[in-house]
Amino acid sequence: MKNRIEINPNIHFGKPCIIGTRITVIDVLELVNEGIPFKKIIKDYYPDIQFEDIKACIRYAIEIVETEDIHIAEKV
């Protein structure tokens, strides 16, 4: 994943993007969330990316959630 996703403060205000593009991880994830097949995402939306780029976006999101600390307050 690290060779497919980059954070560059000069591209999209530092939002994570697919390397070599201005395509943000969130843009790809929104299409995946809509149930659009990977092949259609590549064909109709982002022909400059590959199947592995989409998988890297999903992996990136998983890693962010894995490192997130969740604090649940007990009700008294």
PDB file of N, CA and C in Angstrom:
ATOM      1  N   MET A   1       0.826  -1.189   0.000  1.00  0.00           N
ATOM      2  CA  MET A   1       0.000   0.000   0.000  1.00  0.00           C
ATOM      3  C   MET A   1       0.867   1.248   0.000  1.00  0.00           C
ATOM      4  N   LYS A   2       1.946   1.235   0.729  1.00  0.00           N
ATOM      5  CA  LYS A   2       2.769   2.438   0.852  1.00  0.00           C
ATOM      6  C   LYS A   2       3.315   2.911  -0.497  1.00  0.00           C
ATOM      7  N   ASN A   3       3.422   2.005  -1.462  1.00  0.00           N
ATOM      8  CA  ASN A   3       3.918   2.424  -2.772  1.00  0.00           C
ATOM      9  C   ASN A   3       2.784   2.850  -3.706  1.00  0.00           C
ATOM     10  N   ARG A   4       1.541   2.904  -3.202  1.00  0.00           N
ATOM     11  CA  ARG A   4       0.393   3.304  -4.020  1.00  0.00           C
ATOM     12  C   ARG A   4      -0.355   4.518  -3.487  1.00  0.00           C
ATOM     13  N   ILE A   5      -0.203   4.825  -2.209  1.00  0.00           N
ATOM     14  CA  ILE A   5      -0.901   5.955  -1.589  1.00  0.00           C
ATOM     15  C   ILE A   5       0.139   6.923  -1.050  1.00  0.00           C
ATOM     16  N   GLU A   6      -0.086   8.205  -1.289  1.00  0.00           N
ATOM     17  CA  GLU A   6       0.839   9.212  -0.761  1.00  0.00           C
ATOM     18  C   GLU A   6       0.066  10.387  -0.176  1.00  0.00           C
ATOM     19  N   ILE A   7       0.711  11.035   0.750  1.00  0.00           N
ATOM     20  CA  ILE A   7       0.181  12.277   1.315  1.00  0.00           C
ATOM     21  C   ILE A   7       1.192  13.358   1.000  1.00  0.00           C
ATOM     22  N   ASN A   8       0.763  14.300   0.185  1.00  0.00           N
ATOM     23  CA  ASN A   8       1.632  15.389  -0.245  1.00  0.00           C
ATOM     24  C   ASN A   8       0.891  16.696   0.038  1.00  0.00           C
ATOM     25  N   PRO A   9       1.462  17.563   0.862  1.00  0.00           N
ATOM     26  CA  PRO A   9       0.756  18.803   1.195  1.00  0.00           C
ATOM     27  C   PRO A   9       0.455  19.691  -0.007  1.00  0.00           C
ATOM     28  N   ASN A  10       1.102  19.437  -1.127  1.00  0.00           N
ATOM     29  CA  ASN A  10       0.873  20.235  -2.337  1.00  0.00           C
ATOM     30  C   ASN A  10      -0.215  19.659  -3.251  1.00  0.00           C
ATOM     31  N   ILE A  11      -0.759  18.521  -2.881  1.00  0.00           N
ATOM     32  CA  ILE A  11      -1.814  17.892  -3.690  1.00  0.00           C
ATOM     33  C   ILE A  11      -3.042  17.717  -2.811  1.00  0.00           C
ATOM     34  N   HIS A  12      -4.148  18.317  -3.214  1.00  0.00           N
ATOM     35  CA  HIS A  12      -5.427  18.223  -2.489  1.00  0.00           C
ATOM     36  C   HIS A  12      -5.276  18.514  -0.993  1.00  0.00           C
ATOM     37  N   PHE A  13      -4.495  19.519  -0.680  1.00  0.00           N
ATOM     38  CA  PHE A  13      -4.337  19.974   0.703  1.00  0.00           C
ATOM     39  C   PHE A  13      -3.845  18.863   1.630  1.00  0.00           C
ATOM     40  N   GLY A  14      -3.066  17.928   1.083  1.00  0.00           N
ATOM     41  CA  GLY A  14      -2.490  16.871   1.895  1.00  0.00           C
ATOM     42  C   GLY A  14      -3.394  15.676   2.125  1.00  0.00           C
ATOM     43  N   LYS A  15      -4.511  15.605   1.415  1.00  0.00           N
ATOM     44  CA  LYS A  15      -5.368  14.415   1.547  1.00  0.00           C
ATOM     45  C   LYS A  15      -4.680  13.239   0.862  1.00  0.00           C
ATOM     46  N   PRO A  16      -4.851  12.034   1.395  1.00  0.00           N
ATOM     47  CA  PRO A  16      -4.210  10.874   0.774  1.00  0.00           C
ATOM     48  C   PRO A  16      -4.726  10.644  -0.639  1.00  0.00           C
ATOM     49  N   CYS A  17      -3.791  10.445  -1.565  1.00  0.00           N
ATOM     50  CA  CYS A  17      -4.105  10.245  -2.980  1.00  0.00           C
ATOM     51  C   CYS A  17      -3.356   9.032  -3.513  1.00  0.00           C
ATOM     52  N   ILE A  18      -3.841   8.517  -4.620  1.00  0.00           N
ATOM     53  CA  ILE A  18      -3.121   7.472  -5.325  1.00  0.00           C
ATOM     54  C   ILE A  18      -1.895   8.131  -5.946  1.00  0.00           C
ATOM     55  N   ILE A  19      -0.750   7.524  -5.737  1.00  0.00           N
ATOM     56  CA  ILE A  19       0.513   8.091  -6.218  1.00  0.00           C
ATOM     57  C   ILE A  19       0.443   8.365  -7.717  1.00  0.00           C
ATOM     58  N   GLY A  20       0.957   9.527  -8.102  1.00  0.00           N
ATOM     59  CA  GLY A  20       1.005   9.906  -9.506  1.00  0.00           C
ATOM     60  C   GLY A  20      -0.295  10.466 -10.049  1.00  0.00           C
ATOM     61  N   THR A  21      -1.287  10.631  -9.147  1.00  0.00           N
ATOM     62  CA  THR A  21      -2.582  11.166  -9.572  1.00  0.00           C
ATOM     63  C   THR A  21      -3.034  12.222  -8.569  1.00  0.00           C
ATOM     64  N   ARG A  22      -4.155  12.826  -8.869  1.00  0.00           N
ATOM     65  CA  ARG A  22      -4.807  13.714  -7.918  1.00  0.00           C
ATOM     66  C   ARG A  22      -6.102  13.061  -7.415  1.00  0.00           C
ATOM     67  N   ILE A  23      -6.175  11.762  -7.555  1.00  0.00           N
ATOM     68  CA  ILE A  23      -7.352  10.996  -7.150  1.00  0.00           C
ATOM     69  C   ILE A  23      -7.224  10.663  -5.671  1.00  0.00           C
ATOM     70  N   THR A  24      -8.171  11.180  -4.884  1.00  0.00           N
ATOM     71  CA  THR A  24      -8.092  10.959  -3.445  1.00  0.00           C
ATOM     72  C   THR A  24      -8.640   9.587  -3.063  1.00  0.00           C
ATOM     73  N   VAL A  25      -8.127   9.094  -1.953  1.00  0.00           N
ATOM     74  CA  VAL A  25      -8.591   7.823  -1.403  1.00  0.00           C
ATOM     75  C   VAL A  25     -10.091   7.899  -1.142  1.00  0.00           C
ATOM     76  N   ILE A  26     -10.553   9.001  -0.584  1.00  0.00           N
ATOM     77  CA  ILE A  26     -11.969   9.130  -0.243  1.00  0.00           C
ATOM     78  C   ILE A  26     -12.852   9.077  -1.490  1.00  0.00           C
ATOM     79  N   ASP A  27     -12.398   9.653  -2.600  1.00  0.00           N
ATOM     80  CA  ASP A  27     -13.181   9.599  -3.838  1.00  0.00           C
ATOM     81  C   ASP A  27     -13.370   8.160  -4.297  1.00  0.00           C
ATOM     82  N   VAL A  28     -12.315   7.379  -4.213  1.00  0.00           N
ATOM     83  CA  VAL A  28     -12.394   5.970  -4.607  1.00  0.00           C
ATOM     84  C   VAL A  28     -13.282   5.200  -3.633  1.00  0.00           C
ATOM     85  N   LEU A  29     -13.106   5.443  -2.338  1.00  0.00           N
ATOM     86  CA  LEU A  29     -13.901   4.734  -1.334  1.00  0.00           C
ATOM     87  C   LEU A  29     -15.392   5.045  -1.465  1.00  0.00           C
ATOM     88  N   GLU A  30     -15.730   6.253  -1.833  1.00  0.00           N
ATOM     89  CA  GLU A  30     -17.145   6.597  -2.026  1.00  0.00           C
ATOM     90  C   GLU A  30     -17.755   5.789  -3.171  1.00  0.00           C
ATOM     91  N   LEU A  31     -16.992   5.567  -4.230  1.00  0.00           N
ATOM     92  CA  LEU A  31     -17.488   4.753  -5.341  1.00  0.00           C
ATOM     93  C   LEU A  31     -17.643   3.296  -4.919  1.00  0.00           C
ATOM     94  N   VAL A  32     -16.668   2.792  -4.178  1.00  0.00           N
ATOM     95  CA  VAL A  32     -16.755   1.421  -3.672  1.00  0.00           C
ATOM     96  C   VAL A  32     -17.977   1.291  -2.771  1.00  0.00           C
ATOM     97  N   ASN A  33     -18.204   2.280  -1.928  1.00  0.00           N
ATOM     98  CA  ASN A  33     -19.353   2.273  -1.025  1.00  0.00           C
ATOM     99  C   ASN A  33     -20.680   2.242  -1.785  1.00  0.00           C
ATOM    100  N   GLU A  34     -20.705   2.846  -2.955  1.00  0.00           N
ATOM    101  CA  GLU A  34     -21.915   2.846  -3.787  1.00  0.00           C
ATOM    102  C   GLU A  34     -22.150   1.499  -4.460  1.00  0.00           C
ATOM    103  N   GLY A  35     -21.207   0.586  -4.279  1.00  0.00           N
ATOM    104  CA  GLY A  35     -21.354  -0.742  -4.861  1.00  0.00           C
ATOM    105  C   GLY A  35     -20.896  -0.842  -6.305  1.00  0.00           C
ATOM    106  N   ILE A  36     -20.155   0.143  -6.747  1.00  0.00           N
ATOM    107  CA  ILE A  36     -19.675   0.136  -8.128  1.00  0.00           C
ATOM    108  C   ILE A  36     -18.506  -0.845  -8.231  1.00  0.00           C
ATOM    109  N   PRO A  37     -18.572  -1.793  -9.151  1.00  0.00           N
ATOM    110  CA  PRO A  37     -17.486  -2.766  -9.297  1.00  0.00           C
ATOM    111  C   PRO A  37     -16.157  -2.089  -9.665  1.00  0.00           C
ATOM    112  N   PHE A  38     -15.073  -2.703  -9.212  1.00  0.00           N
ATOM    113  CA  PHE A  38     -13.743  -2.140  -9.471  1.00  0.00           C
ATOM    114  C   PHE A  38     -13.523  -1.891 -10.959  1.00  0.00           C
ATOM    115  N   LYS A  39     -13.901  -2.841 -11.797  1.00  0.00           N
ATOM    116  CA  LYS A  39     -13.699  -2.678 -13.245  1.00  0.00           C
ATOM    117  C   LYS A  39     -14.419  -1.437 -13.769  1.00  0.00           C
ATOM    118  N   LYS A  40     -15.624  -1.185 -13.268  1.00  0.00           N
ATOM    119  CA  LYS A  40     -16.396  -0.015 -13.705  1.00  0.00           C
ATOM    120  C   LYS A  40     -15.773   1.276 -13.179  1.00  0.00           C
ATOM    121  N   ILE A  41     -15.248   1.244 -11.956  1.00  0.00           N
ATOM    122  CA  ILE A  41     -14.558   2.431 -11.405  1.00  0.00           C
ATOM    123  C   ILE A  41     -13.405   2.804 -12.321  1.00  0.00           C
ATOM    124  N   ILE A  42     -12.646   1.803 -12.720  1.00  0.00           N
ATOM    125  CA  ILE A  42     -11.494   2.062 -13.590  1.00  0.00           C
ATOM    126  C   ILE A  42     -11.955   2.505 -14.977  1.00  0.00           C
ATOM    127  N   LYS A  43     -12.910   1.801 -15.540  1.00  0.00           N
ATOM    128  CA  LYS A  43     -13.359   2.101 -16.913  1.00  0.00           C
ATOM    129  C   LYS A  43     -14.065   3.446 -17.022  1.00  0.00           C
ATOM    130  N   ASP A  44     -15.011   3.711 -16.098  1.00  0.00           N
ATOM    131  CA  ASP A  44     -15.883   4.884 -16.241  1.00  0.00           C
ATOM    132  C   ASP A  44     -15.453   6.112 -15.458  1.00  0.00           C
ATOM    133  N   TYR A  45     -14.652   5.928 -14.427  1.00  0.00           N
ATOM    134  CA  TYR A  45     -14.311   7.060 -13.569  1.00  0.00           C
ATOM    135  C   TYR A  45     -12.821   7.401 -13.591  1.00  0.00           C
ATOM    136  N   TYR A  46     -11.980   6.403 -13.395  1.00  0.00           N
ATOM    137  CA  TYR A  46     -10.540   6.659 -13.249  1.00  0.00           C
ATOM    138  C   TYR A  46      -9.727   5.677 -14.091  1.00  0.00           C
ATOM    139  N   PRO A  47      -9.675   5.876 -15.391  1.00  0.00           N
ATOM    140  CA  PRO A  47      -8.950   4.933 -16.251  1.00  0.00           C
ATOM    141  C   PRO A  47      -7.435   4.917 -16.019  1.00  0.00           C
ATOM    142  N   ASP A  48      -6.928   5.878 -15.276  1.00  0.00           N
ATOM    143  CA  ASP A  48      -5.483   5.932 -15.027  1.00  0.00           C
ATOM    144  C   ASP A  48      -5.056   5.122 -13.810  1.00  0.00           C
ATOM    145  N   ILE A  49      -6.010   4.477 -13.117  1.00  0.00           N
ATOM    146  CA  ILE A  49      -5.631   3.675 -11.956  1.00  0.00           C
ATOM    147  C   ILE A  49      -5.797   2.193 -12.274  1.00  0.00           C
ATOM    148  N   GLN A  50      -5.292   1.377 -11.351  1.00  0.00           N
ATOM    149  CA  GLN A  50      -5.350  -0.071 -11.512  1.00  0.00           C
ATOM    150  C   GLN A  50      -6.130  -0.688 -10.357  1.00  0.00           C
ATOM    151  N   PHE A  51      -6.491  -1.950 -10.543  1.00  0.00           N
ATOM    152  CA  PHE A  51      -7.198  -2.711  -9.534  1.00  0.00           C
ATOM    153  C   PHE A  51      -6.469  -2.619  -8.183  1.00  0.00           C
ATOM    154  N   GLU A  52      -5.149  -2.732  -8.210  1.00  0.00           N
ATOM    155  CA  GLU A  52      -4.342  -2.685  -6.979  1.00  0.00           C
ATOM    156  C   GLU A  52      -4.430  -1.322  -6.287  1.00  0.00           C
ATOM    157  N   ASP A  53      -4.657  -0.255  -7.046  1.00  0.00           N
ATOM    158  CA  ASP A  53      -4.817   1.073  -6.440  1.00  0.00           C
ATOM    159  C   ASP A  53      -6.095   1.130  -5.610  1.00  0.00           C
ATOM    160  N   ILE A  54      -7.165   0.537  -6.114  1.00  0.00           N
ATOM    161  CA  ILE A  54      -8.433   0.522  -5.379  1.00  0.00           C
ATOM    162  C   ILE A  54      -8.268  -0.292  -4.099  1.00  0.00           C
ATOM    163  N   LYS A  55      -7.619  -1.448  -4.218  1.00  0.00           N
ATOM    164  CA  LYS A  55      -7.370  -2.266  -3.033  1.00  0.00           C
ATOM    165  C   LYS A  55      -6.507  -1.511  -2.019  1.00  0.00           C
ATOM    166  N   ALA A  56      -5.553  -0.725  -2.493  1.00  0.00           N
ATOM    167  CA  ALA A  56      -4.699   0.062  -1.594  1.00  0.00           C
ATOM    168  C   ALA A  56      -5.514   1.125  -0.858  1.00  0.00           C
ATOM    169  N   CYS A  57      -6.508   1.704  -1.519  1.00  0.00           N
ATOM    170  CA  CYS A  57      -7.376   2.688  -0.856  1.00  0.00           C
ATOM    171  C   CYS A  57      -8.157   2.028   0.273  1.00  0.00           C
ATOM    172  N   ILE A  58      -8.660   0.841   0.015  1.00  0.00           N
ATOM    173  CA  ILE A  58      -9.401   0.117   1.053  1.00  0.00           C
ATOM    174  C   ILE A  58      -8.468  -0.253   2.193  1.00  0.00           C
ATOM    175  N   ARG A  59      -7.275  -0.737   1.883  1.00  0.00           N
ATOM    176  CA  ARG A  59      -6.301  -1.098   2.907  1.00  0.00           C
ATOM    177  C   ARG A  59      -5.936   0.131   3.742  1.00  0.00           C
ATOM    178  N   TYR A  60      -5.789   1.276   3.091  1.00  0.00           N
ATOM    179  CA  TYR A  60      -5.461   2.518   3.798  1.00  0.00           C
ATOM    180  C   TYR A  60      -6.553   2.836   4.824  1.00  0.00           C
ATOM    181  N   ALA A  61      -7.798   2.738   4.412  1.00  0.00           N
ATOM    182  CA  ALA A  61      -8.915   3.018   5.321  1.00  0.00           C
ATOM    183  C   ALA A  61      -8.931   2.032   6.482  1.00  0.00           C
ATOM    184  N   ILE A  62      -8.684   0.774   6.199  1.00  0.00           N
ATOM    185  CA  ILE A  62      -8.645  -0.234   7.260  1.00  0.00           C
ATOM    186  C   ILE A  62      -7.553   0.098   8.268  1.00  0.00           C
ATOM    187  N   GLU A  63      -6.394   0.461   7.790  1.00  0.00           N
ATOM    188  CA  GLU A  63      -5.282   0.783   8.691  1.00  0.00           C
ATOM    189  C   GLU A  63      -5.585   2.013   9.546  1.00  0.00           C
ATOM    190  N   ILE A  64      -6.272   2.977   8.989  1.00  0.00           N
ATOM    191  CA  ILE A  64      -6.656   4.158   9.773  1.00  0.00           C
ATOM    192  C   ILE A  64      -7.596   3.756  10.900  1.00  0.00           C
ATOM    193  N   VAL A  65      -8.584   2.939  10.592  1.00  0.00           N
ATOM    194  CA  VAL A  65      -9.553   2.505  11.602  1.00  0.00           C
ATOM    195  C   VAL A  65      -8.872   1.632  12.652  1.00  0.00           C
ATOM    196  N   GLU A  66      -7.936   0.787  12.234  1.00  0.00           N
ATOM    197  CA  GLU A  66      -7.227  -0.084  13.174  1.00  0.00           C
ATOM    198  C   GLU A  66      -6.445   0.712  14.215  1.00  0.00           C
ATOM    199  N   THR A  67      -5.928   1.847  13.823  1.00  0.00           N
ATOM    200  CA  THR A  67      -5.104   2.629  14.755  1.00  0.00           C
ATOM    201  C   THR A  67      -5.916   3.627  15.575  1.00  0.00           C
ATOM    202  N   GLU A  68      -7.194   3.751  15.259  1.00  0.00           N
ATOM    203  CA  GLU A  68      -8.040   4.708  15.960  1.00  0.00           C
ATOM    204  C   GLU A  68      -8.365   4.227  17.377  1.00  0.00           C
ATOM    205  N   ASP A  69      -8.169   5.099  18.330  1.00  0.00           N
ATOM    206  CA  ASP A  69      -8.541   4.803  19.708  1.00  0.00           C
ATOM    207  C   ASP A  69      -9.967   5.262  19.949  1.00  0.00           C
ATOM    208  N   ILE A  70     -10.770   4.359  20.457  1.00  0.00           N
ATOM    209  CA  ILE A  70     -12.160   4.680  20.741  1.00  0.00           C
ATOM    210  C   ILE A  70     -12.340   4.645  22.238  1.00  0.00           C
ATOM    211  N   HIS A  71     -12.855   5.722  22.777  1.00  0.00           N
ATOM    212  CA  HIS A  71     -13.078   5.825  24.223  1.00  0.00           C
ATOM    213  C   HIS A  71     -14.578   5.900  24.470  1.00  0.00           C
ATOM    214  N   ILE A  72     -15.070   4.913  25.179  1.00  0.00           N
ATOM    215  CA  ILE A  72     -16.482   4.856  25.485  1.00  0.00           C
ATOM    216  C   ILE A  72     -16.663   5.199  26.958  1.00  0.00           C
ATOM    217  N   ALA A  73     -17.447   6.212  27.199  1.00  0.00           N
ATOM    218  CA  ALA A  73     -17.691   6.627  28.589  1.00  0.00           C
ATOM    219  C   ALA A  73     -18.829   5.778  29.152  1.00  0.00           C
ATOM    220  N   GLU A  74     -18.631   5.319  30.348  1.00  0.00           N
ATOM    221  CA  GLU A  74     -19.683   4.548  31.002  1.00  0.00           C
ATOM    222  C   GLU A  74     -20.758   5.500  31.541  1.00  0.00           C
ATOM    223  N   LYS A  75     -22.007   5.072  31.403  1.00  0.00           N
ATOM    224  CA  LYS A  75     -23.094   5.862  31.952  1.00  0.00           C
ATOM    225  C   LYS A  75     -23.186   5.541  33.443  1.00  0.00           C
ATOM    226  N   VAL A  76     -23.332   6.565  34.205  1.00  0.00           N
ATOM    227  CA  VAL A  76     -23.405   6.377  35.657  1.00  0.00           C
ATOM    228  C   VAL A  76     -24.828   6.470  36.154  1.00  0.00           C
TER     229      VAL A  76
END
